[in-house]
Each structure stands twice: as C-alpha cells, then as structure tokens.
C-alpha cells in the first residue's frame, strides 16, 4: 500500500525558539535571525547540515579547552561552558565575551545541539551600548571597600581570570563583575540580558518530531 505521507526532513525549521515579536533580520536554509527594536540584541537559530565540528559532548574539560583556544584567538574569553540536556538531548551551553571597537563588550550565549550528521546552534548576542564599564566600576569599588580586591603594580589583582583555568592568560578574560551573582543589580547589562534570554529559550525551545529520529553525538 502506498503512503501519501512523506517523512519530514530535518531543516532549519525543525527547531523553534521564542522570537519575542522581533524583526526578522535574515532567513534562509541555514539561519533565521531576529533583532530587537533597539538593535542591541540578536537571536538566531543556525542549522549545519554536516557532522558537527566540536570534538565532544561528553568530555567537559576537552570541550572547554577547545572553546577557550578558539575564543582567545579572537581576543575574547570564556564566561561559561557546561554540558546539559534539553528534553533528554545533550547540549553544550556557552557564554563568550568579545571586545568591541572602540569600546564596550559583546556577549554571545549559545546552545549547541550536536547530532552525528548535523547540528543546531541557538545564539543570543547582546552588545554593550551607550555608557560602558559601569558594572565593572561599581563592582570593583564594592570589592575594594570590602578588601576582596586590591591594587598592585599592574592594576587590580586577580580581577581577570578564566573561570575554569586560573593559569590561562590569553585573550580578554572574564572579570569578577561578570559573575552571575551581580546580574540582579544590573538587569539591563548585556551579559545579564544574554543569560536571561538564553535561559528562557532553553526552557521554551521546541523540537519538531523529526529531531527525535536523529542520533545524538556519541563522542
């Protein structure tokens, strides 16, 4: 007996995320991207119809080392790299920082969902606009007053550090003000916004039925 129902093929439309009613910036077979009215934050779903290029979704140290090498080569730094699950599918959850010219910082939060033969990456990019460095200055002043931060010959002591490898010194390292505990004091800061949005997306993302038939990355 012939079937009149075709098997749904995996595509960019196989993963749905909340778009908050934002303007569509681009849409094709590889990416759908939205931008907020202020043009300071972008959300995107990216589809790669080929085996993923990350080395693992199981070895956290290896994954962090790989991301660290890549982002530091672009003069950026790690804020967060963890492995979790969304609806029983392994996911790499990352947040990077990248310096902007002439000043300020851009924060990129991502959910990388790797399968054996393809992958999806959901991204939130928030750019520091207007006055920059206020969060850093306020937290640094607070930590100085409490004695948790001191000044040495080269400026603040231990202000910058990789969150997982204290011996790593390349790129633009995470600073103490970028810890999540300070987000509530600066809810409009781009890092706080990136964390909030990527968490909302992780909770509300929808996988179409064809995703369930894919083999997750085994390494």
N, C-alpha and C. Protein backbone atom coordinates (compact mmCIF):
# COMPACT_ATOMS: atom_id res chain seq x y z
N UNK A 1 0.84 -1.19 0.00
CA UNK A 1 0.00 0.00 0.00
C UNK A 1 0.88 1.25 0.00
N UNK A 2 0.57 2.18 -0.87
CA UNK A 2 1.36 3.39 -0.97
C UNK A 2 1.06 4.35 0.18
N UNK A 3 2.11 5.03 0.63
CA UNK A 3 1.92 6.04 1.67
C UNK A 3 1.91 7.42 1.04
N UNK A 4 0.95 8.20 1.39
CA UNK A 4 0.84 9.55 0.85
C UNK A 4 1.45 10.58 1.81
N UNK A 5 2.08 10.08 2.85
CA UNK A 5 2.68 10.97 3.84
C UNK A 5 4.21 10.83 3.78
N UNK A 6 4.86 11.91 3.42
CA UNK A 6 6.31 11.90 3.31
C UNK A 6 6.95 12.10 4.68
N UNK A 7 8.07 11.45 4.88
CA UNK A 7 8.82 11.63 6.11
C UNK A 7 9.38 13.05 6.15
N UNK A 8 9.17 13.76 7.26
CA UNK A 8 9.62 15.14 7.37
C UNK A 8 11.14 15.18 7.47
N UNK A 9 11.74 15.99 6.62
CA UNK A 9 13.19 16.11 6.59
C UNK A 9 13.66 17.16 7.61
N UNK A 10 14.78 16.87 8.26
CA UNK A 10 15.35 17.82 9.21
C UNK A 10 15.80 19.08 8.47
N UNK A 11 15.46 20.24 9.03
CA UNK A 11 15.81 21.51 8.40
C UNK A 11 15.93 22.59 9.46
N UNK A 12 16.19 23.80 9.02
CA UNK A 12 16.28 24.95 9.93
C UNK A 12 14.98 25.13 10.71
N UNK A 13 13.87 24.68 10.15
CA UNK A 13 12.57 24.82 10.79
C UNK A 13 12.26 23.72 11.80
N UNK A 14 13.20 22.79 11.99
CA UNK A 14 12.98 21.68 12.92
C UNK A 14 13.14 22.10 14.37
N UNK A 15 13.74 23.27 14.58
CA UNK A 15 13.92 23.81 15.93
C UNK A 15 13.26 25.19 15.98
N UNK A 16 12.35 25.36 16.93
CA UNK A 16 11.63 26.63 17.08
C UNK A 16 11.98 27.28 18.41
N UNK A 17 12.20 28.59 18.39
CA UNK A 17 12.51 29.33 19.60
C UNK A 17 11.59 30.54 19.71
N UNK A 18 11.38 31.07 20.92
CA UNK A 18 10.60 32.30 21.05
C UNK A 18 11.32 33.45 20.35
N UNK A 19 10.59 34.22 19.54
CA UNK A 19 11.24 35.32 18.82
C UNK A 19 10.85 36.69 19.38
N UNK A 20 9.98 36.71 20.41
CA UNK A 20 9.61 37.93 21.12
C UNK A 20 8.98 39.00 20.22
N UNK A 21 8.53 38.59 19.05
CA UNK A 21 7.93 39.53 18.12
C UNK A 21 8.94 40.46 17.46
N UNK A 22 10.23 40.11 17.54
CA UNK A 22 11.27 40.95 16.96
C UNK A 22 11.30 40.84 15.44
N UNK A 23 11.93 41.80 14.82
CA UNK A 23 12.06 41.85 13.37
C UNK A 23 12.97 40.74 12.87
N UNK A 24 12.56 40.09 11.77
CA UNK A 24 13.41 39.08 11.14
C UNK A 24 14.51 39.79 10.36
N UNK A 25 15.76 39.51 10.70
CA UNK A 25 16.90 40.15 10.05
C UNK A 25 17.35 39.36 8.82
N UNK A 26 17.31 38.03 8.94
CA UNK A 26 17.62 37.18 7.80
C UNK A 26 16.97 35.82 8.00
N UNK A 27 16.66 35.17 6.87
CA UNK A 27 16.02 33.86 6.93
C UNK A 27 16.35 33.09 5.67
N UNK A 28 17.02 31.96 5.86
CA UNK A 28 17.33 31.07 4.75
C UNK A 28 17.45 29.65 5.28
N UNK A 29 17.99 28.74 4.49
CA UNK A 29 18.05 27.34 4.89
C UNK A 29 19.07 27.06 5.99
N UNK A 30 19.94 28.04 6.29
CA UNK A 30 20.99 27.85 7.29
C UNK A 30 20.79 28.64 8.56
N UNK A 31 20.06 29.76 8.47
CA UNK A 31 19.91 30.61 9.65
C UNK A 31 18.61 31.39 9.60
N UNK A 32 18.01 31.56 10.78
CA UNK A 32 16.92 32.51 10.98
C UNK A 32 17.37 33.41 12.12
N UNK A 33 17.35 34.72 11.87
CA UNK A 33 17.85 35.66 12.87
C UNK A 33 16.85 36.79 13.09
N UNK A 34 16.66 37.15 14.37
CA UNK A 34 15.79 38.24 14.76
C UNK A 34 16.61 39.29 15.50
N UNK A 35 16.16 40.56 15.45
CA UNK A 35 16.85 41.62 16.17
C UNK A 35 15.84 42.47 16.93
N UNK A 36 16.22 42.93 18.11
CA UNK A 36 15.30 43.71 18.94
C UNK A 36 15.15 45.13 18.38
N UNK A 37 14.14 45.87 18.80
CA UNK A 37 13.92 47.23 18.25
C UNK A 37 15.10 48.17 18.45
N UNK A 38 15.84 48.00 19.55
CA UNK A 38 16.99 48.87 19.81
C UNK A 38 18.22 48.48 19.01
N UNK A 39 18.14 47.30 18.36
CA UNK A 39 19.25 46.75 17.57
C UNK A 39 20.50 46.53 18.41
N UNK A 40 20.29 46.11 19.65
CA UNK A 40 21.41 45.78 20.54
C UNK A 40 21.49 44.29 20.84
N UNK A 41 20.43 43.55 20.49
CA UNK A 41 20.37 42.12 20.80
C UNK A 41 19.82 41.35 19.61
N UNK A 42 20.49 40.27 19.27
CA UNK A 42 20.04 39.41 18.17
C UNK A 42 19.91 37.98 18.66
N UNK A 43 18.91 37.29 18.15
CA UNK A 43 18.69 35.86 18.43
C UNK A 43 18.72 35.13 17.10
N UNK A 44 19.31 33.96 17.08
CA UNK A 44 19.32 33.20 15.82
C UNK A 44 19.28 31.70 16.08
N UNK A 45 18.70 31.01 15.12
CA UNK A 45 18.79 29.55 15.04
C UNK A 45 19.65 29.26 13.82
N UNK A 46 20.70 28.46 14.01
CA UNK A 46 21.63 28.14 12.92
C UNK A 46 21.63 26.63 12.70
N UNK A 47 21.50 26.21 11.45
CA UNK A 47 21.46 24.79 11.11
C UNK A 47 22.68 24.46 10.26
N UNK A 48 23.42 23.42 10.67
CA UNK A 48 24.60 22.97 9.94
C UNK A 48 24.33 21.54 9.46
N UNK A 49 24.13 21.39 8.19
CA UNK A 49 23.77 20.09 7.62
C UNK A 49 25.02 19.27 7.29
N UNK A 50 25.83 19.06 8.32
CA UNK A 50 27.06 18.28 8.21
C UNK A 50 27.47 17.87 9.62
N UNK A 51 28.36 16.90 9.77
CA UNK A 51 28.78 16.48 11.11
C UNK A 51 29.33 17.67 11.89
N UNK A 52 29.04 17.77 13.19
CA UNK A 52 29.49 18.91 13.99
C UNK A 52 31.00 18.95 14.13
N UNK A 53 31.54 20.17 14.30
CA UNK A 53 32.99 20.31 14.41
C UNK A 53 33.48 20.36 15.86
N UNK A 54 32.57 20.28 16.84
CA UNK A 54 33.05 20.22 18.22
C UNK A 54 33.57 18.81 18.50
N UNK A 55 34.61 18.67 19.31
CA UNK A 55 35.26 17.38 19.48
C UNK A 55 34.47 16.40 20.35
N UNK A 56 33.56 16.92 21.18
CA UNK A 56 32.88 16.05 22.14
C UNK A 56 31.66 16.74 22.72
N UNK A 57 30.73 15.95 23.22
CA UNK A 57 29.63 16.46 24.02
C UNK A 57 29.59 15.70 25.36
N UNK A 58 30.71 15.01 25.64
CA UNK A 58 30.82 14.21 26.86
C UNK A 58 31.99 14.63 27.75
N UNK A 59 33.11 15.01 27.14
CA UNK A 59 34.32 15.36 27.88
C UNK A 59 34.33 16.87 28.10
N UNK A 60 33.94 17.32 29.29
CA UNK A 60 33.79 18.74 29.56
C UNK A 60 35.12 19.48 29.51
N UNK A 61 36.17 18.89 30.04
CA UNK A 61 37.48 19.55 30.02
C UNK A 61 37.96 19.77 28.59
N UNK A 62 37.78 18.77 27.74
CA UNK A 62 38.19 18.90 26.34
C UNK A 62 37.36 19.96 25.64
N UNK A 63 36.08 19.98 25.92
CA UNK A 63 35.19 20.96 25.29
C UNK A 63 35.59 22.38 25.71
N UNK A 64 35.86 22.56 26.98
CA UNK A 64 36.28 23.89 27.46
C UNK A 64 37.60 24.30 26.84
N UNK A 65 38.54 23.38 26.73
CA UNK A 65 39.84 23.69 26.14
C UNK A 65 39.69 24.10 24.67
N UNK A 66 38.80 23.41 23.97
CA UNK A 66 38.58 23.71 22.56
C UNK A 66 37.97 25.10 22.39
N UNK A 67 36.93 25.39 23.14
CA UNK A 67 36.30 26.71 23.07
C UNK A 67 37.26 27.80 23.52
N UNK A 68 38.02 27.53 24.57
CA UNK A 68 38.98 28.51 25.11
C UNK A 68 40.01 28.90 24.04
N UNK A 69 40.53 27.91 23.35
CA UNK A 69 41.52 28.17 22.31
C UNK A 69 40.92 29.00 21.19
N UNK A 70 39.70 28.65 20.79
CA UNK A 70 39.08 29.35 19.69
C UNK A 70 38.73 30.79 20.02
N UNK A 71 38.12 31.02 21.17
CA UNK A 71 37.67 32.37 21.50
C UNK A 71 38.84 33.27 21.88
N UNK A 72 39.88 32.74 22.50
CA UNK A 72 41.04 33.56 22.86
C UNK A 72 41.80 34.00 21.61
N UNK A 73 41.77 33.19 20.56
CA UNK A 73 42.43 33.57 19.31
C UNK A 73 41.75 34.76 18.66
N UNK A 74 40.48 35.01 19.04
CA UNK A 74 39.74 36.18 18.55
C UNK A 74 39.76 37.29 19.60
N UNK A 75 40.68 37.18 20.58
CA UNK A 75 40.85 38.13 21.67
C UNK A 75 39.65 38.17 22.61
N UNK A 76 38.88 37.09 22.64
CA UNK A 76 37.75 37.00 23.55
C UNK A 76 38.06 36.12 24.74
N UNK A 77 37.02 35.76 25.49
CA UNK A 77 37.22 34.91 26.65
C UNK A 77 35.97 34.14 27.03
N UNK A 78 36.16 33.10 27.84
CA UNK A 78 35.05 32.29 28.32
C UNK A 78 34.37 32.94 29.52
N UNK A 79 33.06 32.85 29.53
CA UNK A 79 32.27 33.18 30.71
C UNK A 79 31.67 31.90 31.28
N UNK A 80 31.23 31.02 30.39
CA UNK A 80 30.60 29.77 30.83
C UNK A 80 30.69 28.73 29.74
N UNK A 81 31.03 27.50 30.13
CA UNK A 81 30.94 26.33 29.24
C UNK A 81 30.52 25.14 30.10
N UNK A 82 29.31 24.67 29.90
CA UNK A 82 28.82 23.49 30.62
C UNK A 82 28.10 22.57 29.63
N UNK A 83 27.92 21.34 30.06
CA UNK A 83 27.16 20.36 29.28
C UNK A 83 25.87 20.05 30.02
N UNK A 84 24.77 20.11 29.33
CA UNK A 84 23.48 19.81 29.95
C UNK A 84 22.59 19.05 28.99
N UNK A 85 21.32 19.03 29.29
CA UNK A 85 20.34 18.38 28.42
C UNK A 85 19.10 19.24 28.30
N UNK A 86 18.52 19.23 27.11
CA UNK A 86 17.22 19.83 26.87
C UNK A 86 16.33 18.76 26.27
N UNK A 87 15.30 18.39 27.00
CA UNK A 87 14.40 17.32 26.55
C UNK A 87 15.18 16.05 26.21
N UNK A 88 16.12 15.70 27.11
CA UNK A 88 16.95 14.50 27.01
C UNK A 88 17.96 14.52 25.87
N UNK A 89 18.15 15.66 25.24
CA UNK A 89 19.14 15.78 24.17
C UNK A 89 20.36 16.54 24.72
N UNK A 90 21.58 15.98 24.61
CA UNK A 90 22.77 16.66 25.11
C UNK A 90 23.00 18.00 24.42
N UNK A 91 23.36 18.99 25.22
CA UNK A 91 23.55 20.35 24.72
C UNK A 91 24.77 20.97 25.39
N UNK A 92 25.57 21.70 24.61
CA UNK A 92 26.66 22.49 25.17
C UNK A 92 26.14 23.91 25.37
N UNK A 93 26.22 24.39 26.61
CA UNK A 93 25.74 25.74 26.93
C UNK A 93 26.96 26.63 27.16
N UNK A 94 27.07 27.69 26.37
CA UNK A 94 28.26 28.53 26.43
C UNK A 94 27.91 30.01 26.48
N UNK A 95 28.80 30.79 27.10
CA UNK A 95 28.74 32.24 27.03
C UNK A 95 30.17 32.74 26.82
N UNK A 96 30.36 33.55 25.80
CA UNK A 96 31.66 34.14 25.50
C UNK A 96 31.57 35.66 25.57
N UNK A 97 32.71 36.31 25.74
CA UNK A 97 32.80 37.76 25.66
C UNK A 97 33.77 38.14 24.56
N UNK A 98 33.45 39.20 23.83
CA UNK A 98 34.29 39.65 22.72
C UNK A 98 34.38 41.17 22.76
N UNK A 99 35.57 41.75 22.81
CA UNK A 99 35.70 43.21 22.84
C UNK A 99 35.17 43.85 21.56
N UNK A 100 34.53 45.00 21.72
CA UNK A 100 34.04 45.78 20.58
C UNK A 100 34.92 47.01 20.40
N UNK A 101 34.96 47.53 19.18
CA UNK A 101 35.70 48.76 18.90
C UNK A 101 34.74 49.93 18.76
N UNK A 102 35.02 51.09 19.32
CA UNK A 102 36.27 51.43 20.05
C UNK A 102 36.24 51.05 21.52
N UNK A 103 35.04 50.68 22.04
CA UNK A 103 34.96 50.30 23.45
C UNK A 103 33.75 49.40 23.66
N UNK A 104 33.64 48.86 24.86
CA UNK A 104 32.49 48.02 25.18
C UNK A 104 32.75 46.55 24.90
N UNK A 105 31.74 45.75 25.19
CA UNK A 105 31.87 44.31 25.08
C UNK A 105 30.63 43.73 24.44
N UNK A 106 30.81 42.65 23.70
CA UNK A 106 29.70 41.89 23.14
C UNK A 106 29.69 40.53 23.82
N UNK A 107 28.49 40.07 24.21
CA UNK A 107 28.36 38.78 24.89
C UNK A 107 27.55 37.83 24.00
N UNK A 108 28.07 36.64 23.81
CA UNK A 108 27.44 35.65 22.95
C UNK A 108 27.11 34.41 23.76
N UNK A 109 25.81 34.18 23.98
CA UNK A 109 25.34 32.99 24.69
C UNK A 109 24.77 32.01 23.66
N UNK A 110 25.13 30.74 23.79
CA UNK A 110 24.73 29.76 22.78
C UNK A 110 24.31 28.44 23.39
N UNK A 111 23.44 27.76 22.66
CA UNK A 111 23.09 26.37 22.92
C UNK A 111 23.48 25.58 21.68
N UNK A 112 24.50 24.74 21.81
CA UNK A 112 24.94 23.92 20.68
C UNK A 112 24.37 22.52 20.85
N UNK A 113 23.60 22.09 19.83
CA UNK A 113 22.89 20.81 19.89
C UNK A 113 23.46 19.91 18.80
N UNK A 114 24.44 19.06 19.13
CA UNK A 114 25.13 18.28 18.11
C UNK A 114 24.54 16.88 17.92
N UNK A 115 24.29 16.53 16.68
CA UNK A 115 23.91 15.17 16.31
C UNK A 115 25.05 14.58 15.49
N UNK A 116 24.93 13.31 15.13
CA UNK A 116 26.01 12.67 14.39
C UNK A 116 26.23 13.31 13.01
N UNK A 117 25.16 13.67 12.34
CA UNK A 117 25.27 14.13 10.96
C UNK A 117 24.91 15.60 10.74
N UNK A 118 24.51 16.28 11.79
CA UNK A 118 24.14 17.69 11.66
C UNK A 118 24.15 18.32 13.05
N UNK A 119 23.93 19.61 13.11
CA UNK A 119 23.86 20.27 14.41
C UNK A 119 23.05 21.56 14.30
N UNK A 120 22.56 22.00 15.45
CA UNK A 120 21.88 23.28 15.56
C UNK A 120 22.60 24.11 16.61
N UNK A 121 22.70 25.40 16.36
CA UNK A 121 23.26 26.31 17.35
C UNK A 121 22.29 27.48 17.51
N UNK A 122 21.79 27.66 18.71
CA UNK A 122 20.91 28.78 19.02
C UNK A 122 21.76 29.83 19.71
N UNK A 123 21.74 31.05 19.18
CA UNK A 123 22.61 32.11 19.68
C UNK A 123 21.83 33.33 20.16
N UNK A 124 22.35 33.94 21.21
CA UNK A 124 21.88 35.25 21.67
C UNK A 124 23.12 36.13 21.75
N UNK A 125 23.11 37.23 21.02
CA UNK A 125 24.24 38.16 21.06
C UNK A 125 23.76 39.51 21.54
N UNK A 126 24.35 39.98 22.65
CA UNK A 126 23.99 41.27 23.24
C UNK A 126 25.22 42.17 23.25
N UNK A 127 25.05 43.39 22.73
CA UNK A 127 26.16 44.32 22.61
C UNK A 127 26.00 45.45 23.62
N UNK A 128 27.10 45.80 24.27
CA UNK A 128 27.11 46.91 25.21
C UNK A 128 26.95 48.22 24.43
N UNK A 129 25.94 49.00 24.77
CA UNK A 129 25.67 50.25 24.06
C UNK A 129 25.63 51.42 25.06
N UNK A 130 25.84 52.62 24.56
CA UNK A 130 25.82 53.79 25.44
C UNK A 130 27.04 53.80 26.34
N UNK A 131 26.83 54.19 27.60
CA UNK A 131 27.92 54.21 28.57
C UNK A 131 28.39 52.79 28.85
N UNK A 132 29.68 52.56 28.81
CA UNK A 132 30.23 51.22 29.02
C UNK A 132 31.07 51.19 30.30
N UNK A 133 31.19 50.00 30.87
CA UNK A 133 32.07 49.81 32.02
C UNK A 133 31.48 50.16 33.37
N UNK A 134 30.19 50.54 33.41
CA UNK A 134 29.61 50.94 34.69
C UNK A 134 29.53 49.77 35.67
N UNK A 135 29.09 48.62 35.17
CA UNK A 135 29.00 47.43 36.04
C UNK A 135 30.37 47.10 36.61
N UNK A 136 31.39 47.11 35.77
CA UNK A 136 32.75 46.81 36.22
C UNK A 136 33.18 47.77 37.32
N UNK A 137 32.93 49.07 37.10
CA UNK A 137 33.39 50.08 38.04
C UNK A 137 32.69 49.96 39.40
N UNK A 138 31.38 49.74 39.38
CA UNK A 138 30.62 49.65 40.63
C UNK A 138 31.06 48.44 41.44
N UNK A 139 31.17 47.29 40.78
CA UNK A 139 31.55 46.06 41.49
C UNK A 139 32.99 46.16 41.99
N UNK A 140 33.87 46.72 41.18
CA UNK A 140 35.27 46.87 41.61
C UNK A 140 35.36 47.75 42.84
N UNK A 141 34.61 48.83 42.86
CA UNK A 141 34.60 49.72 44.03
C UNK A 141 34.09 49.00 45.27
N UNK A 142 33.04 48.21 45.10
CA UNK A 142 32.47 47.45 46.21
C UNK A 142 33.47 46.44 46.76
N UNK A 143 34.15 45.73 45.85
CA UNK A 143 35.11 44.71 46.27
C UNK A 143 36.35 45.35 46.90
N UNK A 144 36.71 46.52 46.43
CA UNK A 144 37.84 47.24 47.05
C UNK A 144 37.49 47.63 48.48
N UNK A 145 36.27 48.11 48.67
CA UNK A 145 35.84 48.55 50.01
C UNK A 145 35.79 47.39 50.99
N UNK A 146 35.46 46.20 50.49
CA UNK A 146 35.35 45.03 51.37
C UNK A 146 36.69 44.32 51.55
N UNK A 147 37.70 44.75 50.81
CA UNK A 147 39.01 44.13 50.90
C UNK A 147 39.17 42.89 50.05
N UNK A 148 38.15 42.57 49.26
CA UNK A 148 38.22 41.38 48.39
C UNK A 148 39.03 41.64 47.12
N UNK A 149 39.30 42.92 46.86
CA UNK A 149 40.05 43.29 45.66
C UNK A 149 41.12 44.30 46.07
N UNK A 150 42.33 44.11 45.58
CA UNK A 150 43.43 45.02 45.89
C UNK A 150 44.08 45.51 44.60
N UNK A 151 44.86 46.56 44.74
CA UNK A 151 45.56 47.12 43.59
C UNK A 151 47.05 46.81 43.70
N UNK A 152 47.61 46.29 42.62
CA UNK A 152 49.03 46.02 42.57
C UNK A 152 49.72 46.93 41.57
N UNK A 153 50.92 46.58 41.18
CA UNK A 153 51.70 47.40 40.25
C UNK A 153 51.03 47.50 38.88
N UNK A 154 50.29 46.45 38.50
CA UNK A 154 49.67 46.42 37.17
C UNK A 154 48.16 46.60 37.22
N UNK A 155 47.66 47.23 38.28
CA UNK A 155 46.21 47.43 38.40
C UNK A 155 45.60 46.48 39.40
N UNK A 156 44.32 46.17 39.20
CA UNK A 156 43.63 45.27 40.12
C UNK A 156 44.29 43.90 40.14
N UNK A 157 44.44 43.35 41.33
CA UNK A 157 44.99 41.99 41.49
C UNK A 157 43.88 40.97 41.35
N UNK A 158 44.08 39.96 40.48
CA UNK A 158 43.14 38.86 40.30
C UNK A 158 41.74 39.32 39.86
N UNK A 159 41.67 40.43 39.17
CA UNK A 159 40.39 40.91 38.65
C UNK A 159 39.96 40.07 37.45
N UNK A 160 40.93 39.72 36.61
CA UNK A 160 40.66 38.91 35.42
C UNK A 160 41.11 37.47 35.64
N UNK A 161 40.29 36.51 35.21
CA UNK A 161 40.70 35.11 35.25
C UNK A 161 39.76 34.26 34.42
N UNK A 162 40.31 33.22 33.81
CA UNK A 162 39.48 32.24 33.14
C UNK A 162 38.68 31.50 34.22
N UNK A 163 37.37 31.28 34.02
CA UNK A 163 36.56 30.67 35.08
C UNK A 163 36.91 29.22 35.41
N UNK A 164 37.67 28.57 34.52
CA UNK A 164 37.97 27.15 34.74
C UNK A 164 39.47 26.85 34.80
N UNK A 165 40.29 27.76 34.34
CA UNK A 165 41.73 27.53 34.31
C UNK A 165 42.46 28.80 34.75
N UNK A 166 42.81 28.92 36.03
CA UNK A 166 43.44 30.13 36.54
C UNK A 166 44.81 30.41 35.94
N UNK A 167 45.42 29.43 35.29
CA UNK A 167 46.75 29.62 34.70
C UNK A 167 46.68 30.16 33.28
N UNK A 168 45.49 30.18 32.70
CA UNK A 168 45.35 30.64 31.32
C UNK A 168 45.27 32.17 31.32
N UNK A 169 46.06 32.83 30.45
CA UNK A 169 46.16 34.29 30.49
C UNK A 169 45.89 34.97 29.15
N UNK A 170 45.55 34.25 28.11
CA UNK A 170 45.40 34.84 26.78
C UNK A 170 43.99 35.40 26.56
N UNK A 171 43.86 36.25 25.54
CA UNK A 171 42.56 36.80 25.19
C UNK A 171 42.08 37.84 26.18
N UNK A 172 40.77 38.07 26.18
CA UNK A 172 40.15 39.01 27.12
C UNK A 172 39.40 38.19 28.15
N UNK A 173 40.00 38.03 29.31
CA UNK A 173 39.48 37.11 30.31
C UNK A 173 38.25 37.66 31.03
N UNK A 174 37.46 36.76 31.58
CA UNK A 174 36.33 37.13 32.42
C UNK A 174 36.82 37.93 33.62
N UNK A 175 36.05 38.94 34.04
CA UNK A 175 36.41 39.66 35.26
C UNK A 175 35.37 39.39 36.35
N UNK A 176 35.69 39.78 37.56
CA UNK A 176 34.86 39.43 38.71
C UNK A 176 33.45 40.01 38.61
N UNK A 177 33.29 41.15 37.96
CA UNK A 177 31.96 41.76 37.87
C UNK A 177 31.03 40.98 36.95
N UNK A 178 31.59 40.06 36.16
CA UNK A 178 30.78 39.30 35.21
C UNK A 178 30.21 38.01 35.80
N UNK A 179 30.41 37.81 37.10
CA UNK A 179 29.79 36.67 37.76
C UNK A 179 28.27 36.86 37.79
N UNK A 180 27.57 35.74 37.71
CA UNK A 180 26.10 35.78 37.61
C UNK A 180 25.45 36.40 38.84
N UNK A 181 26.10 36.34 39.97
CA UNK A 181 25.51 36.87 41.21
C UNK A 181 25.23 38.38 41.13
N UNK A 182 25.87 39.07 40.19
CA UNK A 182 25.67 40.51 40.07
C UNK A 182 24.62 40.90 39.02
N UNK A 183 24.07 39.92 38.32
CA UNK A 183 23.10 40.24 37.27
C UNK A 183 21.88 40.98 37.81
N UNK A 184 21.43 40.60 39.01
CA UNK A 184 20.23 41.23 39.57
C UNK A 184 20.43 42.72 39.83
N UNK A 185 21.68 43.13 40.07
CA UNK A 185 21.96 44.54 40.29
C UNK A 185 22.01 45.34 38.98
N UNK A 186 22.25 44.62 37.89
CA UNK A 186 22.38 45.26 36.58
C UNK A 186 21.56 44.48 35.54
N UNK A 187 20.24 44.46 35.71
CA UNK A 187 19.40 43.63 34.82
C UNK A 187 19.43 44.03 33.36
N UNK A 188 19.82 45.27 33.06
CA UNK A 188 19.86 45.73 31.67
C UNK A 188 21.24 45.60 31.04
N UNK A 189 22.20 45.12 31.81
CA UNK A 189 23.55 44.91 31.26
C UNK A 189 23.47 43.81 30.20
N UNK A 190 24.24 43.91 29.11
CA UNK A 190 24.14 42.91 28.05
C UNK A 190 24.43 41.48 28.50
N UNK A 191 25.32 41.30 29.47
CA UNK A 191 25.59 39.95 29.96
C UNK A 191 24.38 39.40 30.71
N UNK A 192 23.77 40.24 31.55
CA UNK A 192 22.56 39.81 32.27
C UNK A 192 21.45 39.48 31.29
N UNK A 193 21.32 40.29 30.24
CA UNK A 193 20.30 40.05 29.23
C UNK A 193 20.57 38.75 28.47
N UNK A 194 21.83 38.52 28.13
CA UNK A 194 22.19 37.29 27.40
C UNK A 194 21.88 36.06 28.23
N UNK A 195 22.23 36.10 29.51
CA UNK A 195 21.95 34.96 30.39
C UNK A 195 20.44 34.72 30.51
N UNK A 196 19.68 35.79 30.69
CA UNK A 196 18.23 35.68 30.86
C UNK A 196 17.57 35.13 29.60
N UNK A 197 17.95 35.65 28.45
CA UNK A 197 17.32 35.24 27.19
C UNK A 197 17.66 33.80 26.83
N UNK A 198 18.92 33.40 27.00
CA UNK A 198 19.30 32.04 26.62
C UNK A 198 18.63 31.02 27.54
N UNK A 199 18.41 31.40 28.81
CA UNK A 199 17.72 30.51 29.74
C UNK A 199 16.24 30.37 29.35
N UNK A 200 15.64 31.47 28.97
CA UNK A 200 14.23 31.43 28.54
C UNK A 200 14.08 30.57 27.28
N UNK A 201 15.01 30.74 26.36
CA UNK A 201 14.98 29.96 25.13
C UNK A 201 15.16 28.48 25.43
N UNK A 202 16.11 28.15 26.33
CA UNK A 202 16.34 26.75 26.68
C UNK A 202 15.08 26.12 27.28
N UNK A 203 14.32 26.90 28.02
CA UNK A 203 13.10 26.39 28.65
C UNK A 203 11.94 26.27 27.66
N UNK A 204 11.96 27.08 26.60
CA UNK A 204 10.80 27.14 25.71
C UNK A 204 11.06 26.61 24.30
N UNK A 205 12.30 26.21 24.00
CA UNK A 205 12.60 25.71 22.67
C UNK A 205 11.72 24.49 22.34
N UNK A 206 11.35 24.39 21.09
CA UNK A 206 10.50 23.27 20.64
C UNK A 206 11.22 22.50 19.54
N UNK A 207 11.35 21.19 19.74
CA UNK A 207 11.93 20.32 18.73
C UNK A 207 10.81 19.61 17.97
N UNK A 208 10.84 19.71 16.65
CA UNK A 208 9.85 19.01 15.84
C UNK A 208 10.10 17.50 15.91
N UNK A 209 9.13 16.73 15.49
CA UNK A 209 9.19 15.27 15.62
C UNK A 209 10.38 14.65 14.90
N UNK A 210 10.83 15.26 13.80
CA UNK A 210 11.95 14.70 13.04
C UNK A 210 13.26 14.73 13.83
N UNK A 211 13.35 15.62 14.81
CA UNK A 211 14.55 15.70 15.64
C UNK A 211 14.71 14.42 16.46
N UNK A 212 13.61 13.86 16.89
CA UNK A 212 13.65 12.66 17.73
C UNK A 212 14.27 11.46 17.02
N UNK A 213 14.29 11.50 15.71
CA UNK A 213 14.84 10.38 14.93
C UNK A 213 16.33 10.49 14.69
N UNK A 214 16.92 11.61 15.08
CA UNK A 214 18.34 11.80 14.86
C UNK A 214 19.18 11.11 15.93
N UNK A 215 20.38 10.68 15.57
CA UNK A 215 21.32 10.07 16.51
C UNK A 215 22.15 11.18 17.14
N UNK A 216 22.17 11.23 18.47
CA UNK A 216 22.95 12.26 19.14
C UNK A 216 24.43 11.94 18.99
N UNK A 217 25.28 12.96 19.12
CA UNK A 217 26.70 12.78 19.01
C UNK A 217 27.19 11.77 20.05
N UNK A 218 27.95 10.78 19.60
CA UNK A 218 28.32 9.69 20.51
C UNK A 218 29.63 9.95 21.24
N UNK A 219 30.43 10.87 20.78
CA UNK A 219 31.75 11.08 21.41
C UNK A 219 31.69 12.14 22.51
